[in-house]
Amino acid sequence: MLNHLQNTMLDEIDKALLRELQADGRLTNVELARRISLSPPATLTRLKRLEKDGYIKNYAAIIDREKAGYDLLCFIQIGMQTHQFEQVENFRKLVQDMPEVLECHHITGEYDYLLKVVFRNRKDLERFAVNRLTPIPGVSRIHTSLVFTEVKSTAALPLE
């Protein structure tokens, strides 16, 4: 409920500011202010509020994974044998410490978790599956899908 209430507190200027930052996070405050037709001090005040309220979680460079040597993008579905609290928490902690894992989602359906993972090659994938995932207590099933082509990849939300 709180997330819904926070969402309704964004006015059109806030949304415009967030859209501009999603398109280019390196905009100066002056350029950002020009683009949203607001003064630089007012823009900075709004920006600081959006950061404080948690709308803006972080600023980061988006690196081309293939140019960085990560040719293999995979989605790995994980099935847990049981859903005991200790096993689930252990799995989540271990996954958070795996740098290859870009995203981990607890999902509904046939599997329990969906991982988005990058590797340099298929040997790295094999080592990851055999040496890192399989030994985790409670993991009962692993299903890996290799990505042929990334058709769309964005972190930008459709702020309307």
N, C-alpha and C. Protein backbone atom coordinates (compact mmCIF):
# COMPACT_ATOMS: atom_id res chain seq x y z
N MET A 1 0.83 -1.19 0.00
CA MET A 1 0.00 0.00 0.00
C MET A 1 0.87 1.26 0.00
N LEU A 2 1.95 1.26 0.79
CA LEU A 2 2.83 2.42 0.86
C LEU A 2 3.47 2.70 -0.49
N ASN A 3 3.92 1.65 -1.19
CA ASN A 3 4.51 1.85 -2.51
C ASN A 3 3.51 2.51 -3.45
N HIS A 4 2.26 2.09 -3.39
CA HIS A 4 1.23 2.69 -4.24
C HIS A 4 1.05 4.17 -3.89
N LEU A 5 1.03 4.48 -2.60
CA LEU A 5 0.87 5.87 -2.18
C LEU A 5 2.05 6.71 -2.61
N GLN A 6 3.27 6.16 -2.49
CA GLN A 6 4.45 6.89 -2.92
C GLN A 6 4.39 7.16 -4.41
N ASN A 7 3.93 6.19 -5.18
CA ASN A 7 3.85 6.34 -6.63
C ASN A 7 2.93 7.48 -7.01
N THR A 8 1.82 7.65 -6.29
CA THR A 8 0.88 8.69 -6.62
C THR A 8 1.42 10.07 -6.26
N MET A 9 2.49 10.14 -5.48
CA MET A 9 3.06 11.41 -5.07
C MET A 9 3.99 12.00 -6.15
N LEU A 10 4.28 11.25 -7.19
CA LEU A 10 5.10 11.77 -8.28
C LEU A 10 4.24 12.67 -9.17
N ASP A 11 4.66 13.91 -9.32
CA ASP A 11 3.94 14.77 -10.25
C ASP A 11 4.60 14.69 -11.62
N GLU A 12 4.07 15.43 -12.57
CA GLU A 12 4.58 15.35 -13.95
C GLU A 12 6.04 15.81 -14.05
N ILE A 13 6.41 16.79 -13.25
CA ILE A 13 7.80 17.26 -13.28
C ILE A 13 8.74 16.19 -12.74
N ASP A 14 8.35 15.53 -11.64
CA ASP A 14 9.14 14.43 -11.10
C ASP A 14 9.33 13.33 -12.15
N LYS A 15 8.24 12.99 -12.81
CA LYS A 15 8.30 11.94 -13.83
C LYS A 15 9.21 12.35 -14.99
N ALA A 16 9.11 13.60 -15.40
CA ALA A 16 9.96 14.09 -16.48
C ALA A 16 11.43 14.04 -16.06
N LEU A 17 11.70 14.44 -14.83
CA LEU A 17 13.06 14.40 -14.30
C LEU A 17 13.59 12.96 -14.31
N LEU A 18 12.79 12.03 -13.83
CA LEU A 18 13.20 10.61 -13.79
C LEU A 18 13.38 10.04 -15.19
N ARG A 19 12.51 10.41 -16.12
CA ARG A 19 12.65 9.94 -17.50
C ARG A 19 13.98 10.42 -18.09
N GLU A 20 14.31 11.68 -17.87
CA GLU A 20 15.56 12.23 -18.40
C GLU A 20 16.77 11.53 -17.78
N LEU A 21 16.73 11.29 -16.49
CA LEU A 21 17.85 10.60 -15.84
C LEU A 21 17.98 9.15 -16.28
N GLN A 22 16.85 8.50 -16.54
CA GLN A 22 16.92 7.13 -17.05
C GLN A 22 17.55 7.09 -18.43
N ALA A 23 17.31 8.11 -19.22
CA ALA A 23 17.89 8.17 -20.56
C ALA A 23 19.37 8.52 -20.52
N ASP A 24 19.76 9.37 -19.57
CA ASP A 24 21.16 9.78 -19.45
C ASP A 24 21.43 10.20 -18.00
N GLY A 25 21.99 9.30 -17.23
CA GLY A 25 22.27 9.54 -15.82
C GLY A 25 23.42 10.50 -15.57
N ARG A 26 24.12 10.91 -16.64
CA ARG A 26 25.26 11.81 -16.47
C ARG A 26 24.91 13.28 -16.75
N LEU A 27 23.64 13.57 -16.93
CA LEU A 27 23.24 14.95 -17.17
C LEU A 27 23.66 15.84 -16.00
N THR A 28 24.15 17.01 -16.31
CA THR A 28 24.43 17.98 -15.25
C THR A 28 23.10 18.51 -14.74
N ASN A 29 23.12 19.07 -13.55
CA ASN A 29 21.91 19.64 -12.99
C ASN A 29 21.37 20.76 -13.88
N VAL A 30 22.28 21.57 -14.45
CA VAL A 30 21.86 22.67 -15.32
C VAL A 30 21.16 22.13 -16.57
N GLU A 31 21.73 21.10 -17.19
CA GLU A 31 21.11 20.53 -18.40
C GLU A 31 19.79 19.84 -18.06
N LEU A 32 19.77 19.14 -16.93
CA LEU A 32 18.53 18.49 -16.49
C LEU A 32 17.44 19.54 -16.27
N ALA A 33 17.79 20.63 -15.62
CA ALA A 33 16.84 21.71 -15.36
C ALA A 33 16.31 22.30 -16.67
N ARG A 34 17.21 22.49 -17.64
CA ARG A 34 16.79 23.02 -18.94
C ARG A 34 15.80 22.09 -19.61
N ARG A 35 16.09 20.79 -19.54
CA ARG A 35 15.23 19.81 -20.23
C ARG A 35 13.84 19.69 -19.61
N ILE A 36 13.74 19.92 -18.31
CA ILE A 36 12.42 19.80 -17.67
C ILE A 36 11.78 21.16 -17.40
N SER A 37 12.42 22.22 -17.90
CA SER A 37 11.90 23.60 -17.79
C SER A 37 11.69 24.02 -16.33
N LEU A 38 12.76 23.85 -15.56
CA LEU A 38 12.73 24.24 -14.15
C LEU A 38 14.06 24.91 -13.84
N SER A 39 14.12 25.69 -12.80
CA SER A 39 15.38 26.33 -12.42
C SER A 39 16.32 25.27 -11.85
N PRO A 40 17.62 25.47 -11.97
CA PRO A 40 18.58 24.50 -11.40
C PRO A 40 18.40 24.26 -9.90
N PRO A 41 18.19 25.30 -9.07
CA PRO A 41 17.99 25.02 -7.64
C PRO A 41 16.73 24.17 -7.37
N ALA A 42 15.65 24.47 -8.09
CA ALA A 42 14.41 23.69 -7.90
C ALA A 42 14.60 22.25 -8.38
N THR A 43 15.35 22.09 -9.47
CA THR A 43 15.63 20.74 -9.98
C THR A 43 16.45 19.96 -8.96
N LEU A 44 17.48 20.59 -8.41
CA LEU A 44 18.33 19.91 -7.43
C LEU A 44 17.53 19.53 -6.18
N THR A 45 16.63 20.40 -5.75
CA THR A 45 15.78 20.10 -4.60
C THR A 45 14.92 18.87 -4.87
N ARG A 46 14.31 18.81 -6.05
CA ARG A 46 13.49 17.66 -6.42
C ARG A 46 14.34 16.39 -6.50
N LEU A 47 15.52 16.52 -7.12
CA LEU A 47 16.41 15.37 -7.27
C LEU A 47 16.79 14.81 -5.90
N LYS A 48 17.17 15.67 -4.98
CA LYS A 48 17.55 15.23 -3.63
C LYS A 48 16.37 14.56 -2.92
N ARG A 49 15.15 15.10 -3.13
CA ARG A 49 13.97 14.48 -2.52
C ARG A 49 13.72 13.09 -3.11
N LEU A 50 13.84 12.96 -4.43
CA LEU A 50 13.64 11.65 -5.08
C LEU A 50 14.68 10.64 -4.62
N GLU A 51 15.90 11.09 -4.39
CA GLU A 51 16.93 10.20 -3.85
C GLU A 51 16.59 9.79 -2.41
N LYS A 52 16.25 10.79 -1.58
CA LYS A 52 15.93 10.53 -0.17
C LYS A 52 14.73 9.60 -0.02
N ASP A 53 13.72 9.79 -0.88
CA ASP A 53 12.51 8.97 -0.80
C ASP A 53 12.68 7.58 -1.43
N GLY A 54 13.84 7.32 -2.02
CA GLY A 54 14.12 5.99 -2.55
C GLY A 54 13.68 5.74 -3.97
N TYR A 55 13.19 6.76 -4.66
CA TYR A 55 12.83 6.58 -6.07
C TYR A 55 14.09 6.32 -6.90
N ILE A 56 15.15 7.03 -6.58
CA ILE A 56 16.43 6.81 -7.23
C ILE A 56 17.28 6.00 -6.27
N LYS A 57 17.55 4.75 -6.66
CA LYS A 57 18.29 3.85 -5.78
C LYS A 57 19.79 4.01 -5.92
N ASN A 58 20.26 4.32 -7.15
CA ASN A 58 21.69 4.31 -7.40
C ASN A 58 21.96 4.95 -8.76
N TYR A 59 23.18 5.32 -8.98
CA TYR A 59 23.63 5.77 -10.29
C TYR A 59 24.72 4.80 -10.72
N ALA A 60 24.67 4.35 -11.99
CA ALA A 60 25.65 3.37 -12.45
C ALA A 60 25.87 3.49 -13.94
N ALA A 61 27.04 3.05 -14.37
CA ALA A 61 27.33 2.94 -15.80
C ALA A 61 26.84 1.57 -16.26
N ILE A 62 26.18 1.53 -17.41
CA ILE A 62 25.74 0.26 -17.98
C ILE A 62 26.80 -0.18 -18.97
N ILE A 63 27.45 -1.29 -18.66
CA ILE A 63 28.58 -1.76 -19.45
C ILE A 63 28.11 -2.80 -20.46
N ASP A 64 28.63 -2.71 -21.67
CA ASP A 64 28.32 -3.70 -22.70
C ASP A 64 28.97 -5.02 -22.29
N ARG A 65 28.16 -6.00 -21.94
CA ARG A 65 28.68 -7.26 -21.40
C ARG A 65 29.56 -8.00 -22.40
N GLU A 66 29.20 -7.97 -23.68
CA GLU A 66 30.00 -8.67 -24.69
C GLU A 66 31.37 -8.02 -24.87
N LYS A 67 31.42 -6.70 -24.89
CA LYS A 67 32.70 -6.01 -25.00
C LYS A 67 33.56 -6.26 -23.76
N ALA A 68 32.92 -6.49 -22.63
CA ALA A 68 33.64 -6.78 -21.39
C ALA A 68 34.04 -8.26 -21.31
N GLY A 69 33.71 -9.05 -22.34
CA GLY A 69 34.14 -10.44 -22.38
C GLY A 69 33.13 -11.45 -21.88
N TYR A 70 31.91 -11.01 -21.62
CA TYR A 70 30.87 -11.94 -21.15
C TYR A 70 29.94 -12.28 -22.30
N ASP A 71 30.35 -13.27 -23.07
CA ASP A 71 29.64 -13.64 -24.29
C ASP A 71 28.36 -14.43 -24.02
N LEU A 72 28.26 -15.06 -22.87
CA LEU A 72 27.16 -15.97 -22.59
C LEU A 72 26.22 -15.38 -21.54
N LEU A 73 24.97 -15.17 -21.95
CA LEU A 73 23.92 -14.72 -21.03
C LEU A 73 22.95 -15.87 -20.87
N CYS A 74 22.63 -16.20 -19.63
CA CYS A 74 21.75 -17.35 -19.35
C CYS A 74 20.67 -16.97 -18.35
N PHE A 75 19.58 -17.70 -18.44
CA PHE A 75 18.55 -17.67 -17.41
C PHE A 75 18.53 -19.05 -16.80
N ILE A 76 18.68 -19.11 -15.49
CA ILE A 76 18.74 -20.39 -14.79
C ILE A 76 17.57 -20.44 -13.81
N GLN A 77 16.76 -21.49 -13.97
CA GLN A 77 15.65 -21.70 -13.06
C GLN A 77 16.10 -22.70 -12.00
N ILE A 78 15.77 -22.40 -10.76
CA ILE A 78 16.18 -23.23 -9.63
C ILE A 78 14.93 -23.73 -8.91
N GLY A 79 14.89 -25.04 -8.70
CA GLY A 79 13.83 -25.63 -7.88
C GLY A 79 14.41 -26.04 -6.54
N MET A 80 13.71 -25.70 -5.49
CA MET A 80 14.15 -26.07 -4.14
C MET A 80 13.42 -27.34 -3.70
N GLN A 81 14.16 -28.19 -3.00
CA GLN A 81 13.60 -29.45 -2.52
C GLN A 81 12.52 -29.18 -1.48
N THR A 82 12.83 -28.33 -0.54
CA THR A 82 11.87 -27.93 0.49
C THR A 82 11.93 -26.42 0.60
N HIS A 83 11.01 -25.88 1.34
CA HIS A 83 10.99 -24.42 1.51
C HIS A 83 11.21 -24.06 2.98
N GLN A 84 12.13 -24.79 3.60
CA GLN A 84 12.46 -24.50 4.98
C GLN A 84 13.21 -23.18 5.06
N PHE A 85 12.90 -22.42 6.06
CA PHE A 85 13.45 -21.07 6.20
C PHE A 85 14.97 -21.04 6.09
N GLU A 86 15.64 -21.94 6.79
CA GLU A 86 17.11 -21.93 6.81
C GLU A 86 17.68 -22.19 5.42
N GLN A 87 17.11 -23.14 4.69
CA GLN A 87 17.61 -23.44 3.35
C GLN A 87 17.36 -22.29 2.39
N VAL A 88 16.20 -21.68 2.48
CA VAL A 88 15.87 -20.56 1.61
C VAL A 88 16.80 -19.38 1.89
N GLU A 89 17.00 -19.06 3.16
CA GLU A 89 17.89 -17.95 3.52
C GLU A 89 19.32 -18.24 3.12
N ASN A 90 19.76 -19.47 3.28
CA ASN A 90 21.11 -19.85 2.88
C ASN A 90 21.29 -19.70 1.37
N PHE A 91 20.30 -20.17 0.60
CA PHE A 91 20.35 -20.04 -0.86
C PHE A 91 20.43 -18.56 -1.25
N ARG A 92 19.58 -17.74 -0.67
CA ARG A 92 19.56 -16.32 -1.01
C ARG A 92 20.88 -15.63 -0.68
N LYS A 93 21.44 -15.96 0.46
CA LYS A 93 22.72 -15.35 0.84
C LYS A 93 23.83 -15.78 -0.12
N LEU A 94 23.88 -17.07 -0.44
CA LEU A 94 24.92 -17.55 -1.35
C LEU A 94 24.80 -16.91 -2.73
N VAL A 95 23.59 -16.79 -3.23
CA VAL A 95 23.38 -16.19 -4.56
C VAL A 95 23.79 -14.72 -4.56
N GLN A 96 23.53 -14.01 -3.49
CA GLN A 96 23.91 -12.61 -3.41
C GLN A 96 25.43 -12.43 -3.47
N ASP A 97 26.17 -13.44 -3.08
CA ASP A 97 27.64 -13.37 -3.10
C ASP A 97 28.25 -13.88 -4.40
N MET A 98 27.42 -14.21 -5.39
CA MET A 98 27.91 -14.73 -6.67
C MET A 98 27.94 -13.59 -7.69
N PRO A 99 29.12 -13.11 -8.06
CA PRO A 99 29.19 -11.96 -8.97
C PRO A 99 28.63 -12.23 -10.36
N GLU A 100 28.57 -13.48 -10.79
CA GLU A 100 28.02 -13.82 -12.12
C GLU A 100 26.52 -13.59 -12.18
N VAL A 101 25.87 -13.63 -11.03
CA VAL A 101 24.41 -13.49 -10.97
C VAL A 101 24.06 -12.01 -11.00
N LEU A 102 23.44 -11.58 -12.09
CA LEU A 102 23.02 -10.18 -12.23
C LEU A 102 21.70 -9.92 -11.52
N GLU A 103 20.81 -10.91 -11.57
CA GLU A 103 19.50 -10.78 -10.95
C GLU A 103 19.07 -12.13 -10.40
N CYS A 104 18.32 -12.10 -9.31
CA CYS A 104 17.72 -13.30 -8.74
C CYS A 104 16.31 -12.94 -8.31
N HIS A 105 15.34 -13.72 -8.79
CA HIS A 105 13.93 -13.45 -8.50
C HIS A 105 13.28 -14.70 -7.92
N HIS A 106 12.54 -14.53 -6.83
CA HIS A 106 11.71 -15.60 -6.27
C HIS A 106 10.42 -15.58 -7.09
N ILE A 107 10.09 -16.70 -7.72
CA ILE A 107 9.00 -16.71 -8.69
C ILE A 107 7.95 -17.76 -8.33
N THR A 108 6.81 -17.68 -8.99
CA THR A 108 5.77 -18.70 -8.86
C THR A 108 5.93 -19.67 -10.03
N GLY A 109 5.25 -20.78 -9.95
CA GLY A 109 5.27 -21.74 -11.05
C GLY A 109 6.07 -22.98 -10.72
N GLU A 110 6.57 -23.63 -11.74
CA GLU A 110 7.27 -24.91 -11.60
C GLU A 110 8.59 -24.79 -10.85
N TYR A 111 9.25 -23.64 -10.96
CA TYR A 111 10.52 -23.41 -10.28
C TYR A 111 10.35 -22.34 -9.22
N ASP A 112 11.33 -22.24 -8.33
CA ASP A 112 11.25 -21.29 -7.22
C ASP A 112 12.01 -19.99 -7.46
N TYR A 113 13.13 -20.07 -8.20
CA TYR A 113 13.96 -18.90 -8.43
C TYR A 113 14.35 -18.82 -9.90
N LEU A 114 14.50 -17.59 -10.37
CA LEU A 114 14.99 -17.34 -11.72
C LEU A 114 16.21 -16.44 -11.60
N LEU A 115 17.33 -16.92 -12.14
CA LEU A 115 18.58 -16.17 -12.10
C LEU A 115 18.92 -15.68 -13.51
N LYS A 116 19.39 -14.46 -13.60
CA LYS A 116 19.96 -13.93 -14.84
C LYS A 116 21.46 -13.89 -14.58
N VAL A 117 22.22 -14.65 -15.42
CA VAL A 117 23.63 -14.87 -15.12
C VAL A 117 24.47 -14.66 -16.37
N VAL A 118 25.69 -14.15 -16.19
CA VAL A 118 26.61 -13.97 -17.31
C VAL A 118 27.87 -14.80 -17.11
N PHE A 119 28.41 -15.28 -18.25
CA PHE A 119 29.64 -16.06 -18.25
C PHE A 119 30.48 -15.67 -19.45
N ARG A 120 31.76 -15.92 -19.36
CA ARG A 120 32.66 -15.67 -20.48
C ARG A 120 32.50 -16.74 -21.56
N ASN A 121 32.21 -17.98 -21.12
CA ASN A 121 32.10 -19.09 -22.08
C ASN A 121 31.33 -20.24 -21.43
N ARG A 122 31.13 -21.32 -22.20
CA ARG A 122 30.34 -22.45 -21.69
C ARG A 122 31.06 -23.20 -20.57
N LYS A 123 32.39 -23.19 -20.55
CA LYS A 123 33.14 -23.83 -19.45
C LYS A 123 32.87 -23.12 -18.13
N ASP A 124 32.79 -21.78 -18.17
CA ASP A 124 32.43 -21.04 -16.95
C ASP A 124 31.03 -21.39 -16.49
N LEU A 125 30.12 -21.54 -17.43
CA LEU A 125 28.75 -21.96 -17.10
C LEU A 125 28.76 -23.33 -16.45
N GLU A 126 29.50 -24.26 -17.02
CA GLU A 126 29.58 -25.61 -16.46
C GLU A 126 30.13 -25.58 -15.04
N ARG A 127 31.22 -24.85 -14.82
CA ARG A 127 31.81 -24.76 -13.47
C ARG A 127 30.81 -24.15 -12.49
N PHE A 128 30.10 -23.14 -12.93
CA PHE A 128 29.12 -22.48 -12.07
C PHE A 128 28.02 -23.45 -11.66
N ALA A 129 27.46 -24.16 -12.64
CA ALA A 129 26.36 -25.09 -12.36
C ALA A 129 26.82 -26.25 -11.48
N VAL A 130 27.96 -26.82 -11.82
CA VAL A 130 28.43 -28.02 -11.11
C VAL A 130 29.04 -27.68 -9.75
N ASN A 131 29.84 -26.64 -9.69
CA ASN A 131 30.59 -26.36 -8.46
C ASN A 131 29.93 -25.35 -7.53
N ARG A 132 29.06 -24.51 -8.06
CA ARG A 132 28.48 -23.46 -7.21
C ARG A 132 27.01 -23.70 -6.89
N LEU A 133 26.20 -24.09 -7.90
CA LEU A 133 24.76 -24.26 -7.66
C LEU A 133 24.41 -25.63 -7.10
N THR A 134 24.91 -26.67 -7.75
CA THR A 134 24.53 -28.04 -7.36
C THR A 134 24.80 -28.35 -5.89
N PRO A 135 25.92 -27.91 -5.32
CA PRO A 135 26.19 -28.25 -3.91
C PRO A 135 25.34 -27.50 -2.88
N ILE A 136 24.59 -26.51 -3.28
CA ILE A 136 23.80 -25.74 -2.31
C ILE A 136 22.72 -26.64 -1.71
N PRO A 137 22.68 -26.76 -0.38
CA PRO A 137 21.65 -27.58 0.26
C PRO A 137 20.25 -27.11 -0.11
N GLY A 138 19.42 -28.05 -0.51
CA GLY A 138 18.03 -27.75 -0.84
C GLY A 138 17.77 -27.56 -2.32
N VAL A 139 18.81 -27.34 -3.12
CA VAL A 139 18.61 -27.19 -4.56
C VAL A 139 18.33 -28.57 -5.14
N SER A 140 17.18 -28.72 -5.78
CA SER A 140 16.82 -30.03 -6.31
C SER A 140 16.82 -30.07 -7.84
N ARG A 141 16.57 -28.93 -8.48
CA ARG A 141 16.50 -28.89 -9.94
C ARG A 141 17.15 -27.62 -10.45
N ILE A 142 17.86 -27.77 -11.56
CA ILE A 142 18.47 -26.62 -12.23
C ILE A 142 18.14 -26.74 -13.71
N HIS A 143 17.55 -25.69 -14.27
CA HIS A 143 17.23 -25.67 -15.70
C HIS A 143 17.84 -24.41 -16.29
N THR A 144 18.71 -24.58 -17.27
CA THR A 144 19.43 -23.45 -17.86
C THR A 144 18.97 -23.19 -19.28
N SER A 145 18.71 -21.92 -19.58
CA SER A 145 18.39 -21.48 -20.94
C SER A 145 19.45 -20.49 -21.37
N LEU A 146 20.02 -20.73 -22.56
CA LEU A 146 21.02 -19.83 -23.12
C LEU A 146 20.34 -18.80 -24.00
N VAL A 147 20.80 -17.57 -23.94
CA VAL A 147 20.24 -16.50 -24.75
C VAL A 147 20.99 -16.46 -26.07
N PHE A 148 20.25 -16.57 -27.19
CA PHE A 148 20.84 -16.41 -28.52
C PHE A 148 21.05 -14.93 -28.81
N THR A 149 19.96 -14.16 -28.68
CA THR A 149 20.00 -12.73 -29.00
C THR A 149 19.22 -11.96 -27.94
N GLU A 150 19.83 -10.91 -27.46
CA GLU A 150 19.16 -10.02 -26.52
C GLU A 150 18.36 -9.02 -27.36
N VAL A 151 17.06 -9.20 -27.42
CA VAL A 151 16.20 -8.36 -28.25
C VAL A 151 15.98 -7.00 -27.60
N LYS A 152 15.79 -6.98 -26.30
CA LYS A 152 15.60 -5.73 -25.56
C LYS A 152 16.15 -5.91 -24.17
N SER A 153 16.90 -4.94 -23.72
CA SER A 153 17.42 -4.94 -22.36
C SER A 153 17.44 -3.51 -21.87
N THR A 154 16.66 -3.23 -20.84
CA THR A 154 16.60 -1.89 -20.30
C THR A 154 16.32 -1.95 -18.81
N ALA A 155 16.73 -0.94 -18.13
CA ALA A 155 16.38 -0.78 -16.72
C ALA A 155 15.41 0.39 -16.54
N ALA A 156 15.08 1.05 -17.65
CA ALA A 156 14.20 2.23 -17.60
C ALA A 156 12.75 1.81 -17.40
N LEU A 157 12.12 2.43 -16.40
CA LEU A 157 10.70 2.17 -16.16
C LEU A 157 9.85 3.06 -17.05
N PRO A 158 8.67 2.59 -17.46
CA PRO A 158 7.80 3.40 -18.32
C PRO A 158 7.00 4.42 -17.49
N LEU A 159 7.64 5.50 -17.11
CA LEU A 159 6.99 6.53 -16.29
C LEU A 159 6.07 7.36 -17.16
N GLU A 160 4.79 7.23 -16.92
CA GLU A 160 3.81 7.96 -17.74
C GLU A 160 2.89 8.75 -16.87
